Amino acid sequence: MSVAKEAEIANAKYAASFTKGDLALPPQRKVAIVACMDARLDPARALGLEEGDAHVIRNAGGRVIDALRSIIISQQLLGTREIIIVHHTDCGMLTFTDEVIRDKIRADLHQNVDHIAFLPFGDLRQSVLDDVKLLKESPLVLDVPITGYLYEVETGKIIKF
């Protein structure tokens, strides 16, 4: 059975007992979370969130520059007033450089992607600090609390930077 078919079956069970259809559009806790897309990280569970609590924006590495459009919409149109950034240990973004992935795409797909920044990093702590700094210095982001964490995939704990 395909994963999509499994998802359809699971959704039917979920929808059968769904009771949260009246949640407000703006997130109740007024927070936007930017996290890595890694399957080992479930931001809602790790941070104690429920449906309707937060905007959770995910991408490879949890990079904020890649999430900037969503952060702006979250703040300007939906009232979020805090940002949490979550990177994690054993991240795949530590395993390559822009040149490595560009070379792979050229070889496998015969496409030139020199115009795309894939945003890998070599230091987890620094990646969190850089992303916090980028948002704090951006004129497009409101002056709100911005906190950066490193999630340990080995323990489930978060470490604040």
Protein backbone atom coordinates (compact mmCIF):
# COMPACT_ATOMS: atom_id res chain seq x y z
CA MET A 1 0.00 0.00 0.00
CA SER A 2 1.32 3.45 -0.85
CA VAL A 3 2.03 5.97 1.90
CA ALA A 4 -0.60 8.25 0.35
CA LYS A 5 -3.24 5.53 0.69
CA GLU A 6 -2.18 4.92 4.31
CA ALA A 7 -2.53 8.68 4.91
CA GLU A 8 -6.06 8.63 3.48
CA ILE A 9 -7.07 5.83 5.83
CA ALA A 10 -5.47 7.55 8.83
CA ASN A 11 -7.17 10.82 7.92
CA ALA A 12 -10.58 9.18 7.78
CA LYS A 13 -10.08 7.99 11.38
CA TYR A 14 -8.80 11.43 12.43
CA ALA A 15 -11.66 13.30 10.77
CA ALA A 16 -14.27 10.97 12.30
CA SER A 17 -13.52 12.33 15.77
CA PHE A 18 -12.31 15.81 14.81
CA THR A 19 -13.58 18.55 17.13
CA LYS A 20 -11.29 21.50 16.42
CA GLY A 21 -12.99 23.01 13.39
CA ASP A 22 -13.78 26.23 15.23
CA LEU A 23 -10.19 27.29 15.98
CA ALA A 24 -9.36 30.90 15.11
CA LEU A 25 -7.17 31.66 12.10
CA PRO A 26 -4.45 33.51 14.06
CA PRO A 27 -2.35 31.22 16.26
CA GLN A 28 -3.58 31.33 19.84
CA ARG A 29 -0.10 31.58 21.37
CA LYS A 30 1.01 34.25 18.85
CA VAL A 31 4.23 32.42 18.01
CA ALA A 32 5.89 31.40 14.75
CA ILE A 33 8.28 28.46 14.88
CA VAL A 34 10.88 27.82 12.21
CA ALA A 35 12.15 24.26 12.34
CA CYS A 36 13.96 21.74 10.22
CA MET A 37 11.90 19.36 8.11
CA ASP A 38 13.77 16.35 9.55
CA ALA A 39 11.32 13.51 10.22
CA ARG A 40 12.87 12.87 13.66
CA LEU A 41 11.71 16.29 14.88
CA ASP A 42 8.05 16.88 15.66
CA PRO A 43 7.99 20.55 16.74
CA ALA A 44 4.47 20.40 18.15
CA ARG A 45 5.22 17.43 20.38
CA ALA A 46 8.69 18.59 21.34
CA LEU A 47 7.44 22.05 22.33
CA GLY A 48 4.08 21.09 23.85
CA LEU A 49 1.87 22.63 21.17
CA GLU A 50 -1.64 21.78 20.08
CA GLU A 51 -3.54 22.59 16.88
CA GLY A 52 -4.18 26.30 16.73
CA ASP A 53 -1.29 27.27 19.02
CA ALA A 54 1.43 28.29 16.56
CA HIS A 55 2.55 28.70 12.99
CA VAL A 56 5.10 25.97 12.32
CA ILE A 57 7.27 26.72 9.30
CA ARG A 58 9.54 23.90 8.20
CA ASN A 59 12.31 23.63 5.65
CA ALA A 60 15.66 21.91 5.18
CA GLY A 61 17.82 23.02 8.10
CA GLY A 62 15.14 25.25 9.61
CA ARG A 63 16.77 28.22 7.89
CA VAL A 64 14.99 31.51 8.51
CA ILE A 65 15.99 33.17 5.23
CA ASP A 66 14.03 30.40 3.49
CA ALA A 67 11.08 31.08 5.82
CA LEU A 68 11.13 34.88 5.69
CA ARG A 69 8.04 35.20 3.48
CA SER A 70 6.03 33.06 5.88
CA ILE A 71 7.35 34.92 8.94
CA ILE A 72 6.31 38.27 7.45
CA ILE A 73 2.81 36.99 6.67
CA SER A 74 2.57 35.43 10.13
CA GLN A 75 3.45 38.72 11.82
CA GLN A 76 1.76 41.24 9.55
CA LEU A 77 -1.50 39.44 8.82
CA LEU A 78 -1.94 36.95 11.64
CA GLY A 79 -0.48 38.68 14.68
CA THR A 80 2.39 36.52 15.81
CA ARG A 81 4.63 38.32 18.28
CA GLU A 82 7.34 35.80 19.06
CA ILE A 83 9.65 33.60 16.97
CA ILE A 84 11.29 30.32 17.91
CA ILE A 85 14.01 28.77 15.76
CA VAL A 86 14.76 25.05 16.09
CA HIS A 87 17.77 23.39 14.47
CA HIS A 88 18.85 19.88 15.53
CA THR A 89 21.74 17.50 16.05
CA ASP A 90 22.74 15.06 13.31
CA CYS A 91 21.31 17.40 10.67
CA GLY A 92 21.72 16.48 7.04
CA MET A 93 22.64 20.10 6.27
CA LEU A 94 26.02 19.37 7.90
CA THR A 95 26.82 16.71 5.30
CA PHE A 96 27.24 18.68 2.07
CA THR A 97 28.18 22.01 0.51
CA ASP A 98 26.39 24.03 -2.14
CA GLU A 99 28.92 22.80 -4.69
CA VAL A 100 28.37 19.12 -3.80
CA ILE A 101 24.61 19.32 -4.31
CA ARG A 102 24.92 21.52 -7.41
CA ASP A 103 27.33 19.00 -8.95
CA LYS A 104 24.92 16.16 -8.11
CA ILE A 105 21.98 17.96 -9.71
CA ARG A 106 24.06 18.75 -12.82
CA ALA A 107 25.06 15.07 -13.08
CA ASP A 108 21.69 13.52 -12.24
CA LEU A 109 19.22 16.01 -13.71
CA HIS A 110 21.39 17.90 -16.23
CA GLN A 111 20.22 21.19 -14.74
CA ASN A 112 22.15 24.25 -13.63
CA VAL A 113 21.11 25.40 -10.16
CA ASP A 114 23.94 27.82 -9.46
CA HIS A 115 21.31 30.46 -8.66
CA ILE A 116 19.96 28.44 -5.70
CA ALA A 117 21.52 28.74 -2.26
CA PHE A 118 20.90 25.43 -0.50
CA LEU A 119 22.00 26.93 2.85
CA PRO A 120 24.11 24.10 4.32
CA PHE A 121 26.14 24.82 7.43
CA GLY A 122 29.15 23.42 9.22
CA ASP A 123 28.41 24.42 12.81
CA LEU A 124 25.07 23.76 14.50
CA ARG A 125 25.42 26.35 17.24
CA GLN A 126 26.52 29.00 14.77
CA SER A 127 23.65 28.19 12.39
CA VAL A 128 21.15 28.94 15.17
CA LEU A 129 22.96 32.13 16.20
CA ASP A 130 23.20 33.28 12.57
CA ASP A 131 19.48 32.75 12.03
CA VAL A 132 18.54 34.60 15.23
CA LYS A 133 20.79 37.48 14.17
CA LEU A 134 19.37 37.57 10.64
CA LEU A 135 15.82 37.98 11.95
CA LYS A 136 16.78 40.51 14.62
CA GLU A 137 18.52 42.64 12.00
CA SER A 138 15.88 42.33 9.29
CA PRO A 139 13.80 45.47 8.71
CA LEU A 140 10.99 43.16 7.54
CA VAL A 141 10.66 41.43 10.91
CA LEU A 142 9.01 43.08 13.89
CA ASP A 143 11.02 43.69 17.07
CA VAL A 144 9.75 40.64 18.97
CA PRO A 145 11.37 38.01 21.18
CA ILE A 146 13.39 35.59 19.04
CA THR A 147 14.79 32.46 20.67
CA GLY A 148 17.02 29.84 19.10
CA TYR A 149 17.22 26.22 20.18
CA LEU A 150 19.13 23.10 19.26
CA TYR A 151 16.96 20.00 19.48
CA GLU A 152 18.84 16.83 20.38
CA VAL A 153 17.46 14.02 18.22
CA GLU A 154 19.18 11.58 20.57
CA THR A 155 17.38 12.74 23.74
CA GLY A 156 14.40 14.89 22.69
CA LYS A 157 15.76 17.84 24.71
CA ILE A 158 16.16 21.41 23.51
CA ILE A 159 19.18 23.57 24.31
CA LYS A 160 18.73 27.35 24.27
CA PHE A 161 21.28 29.59 22.56
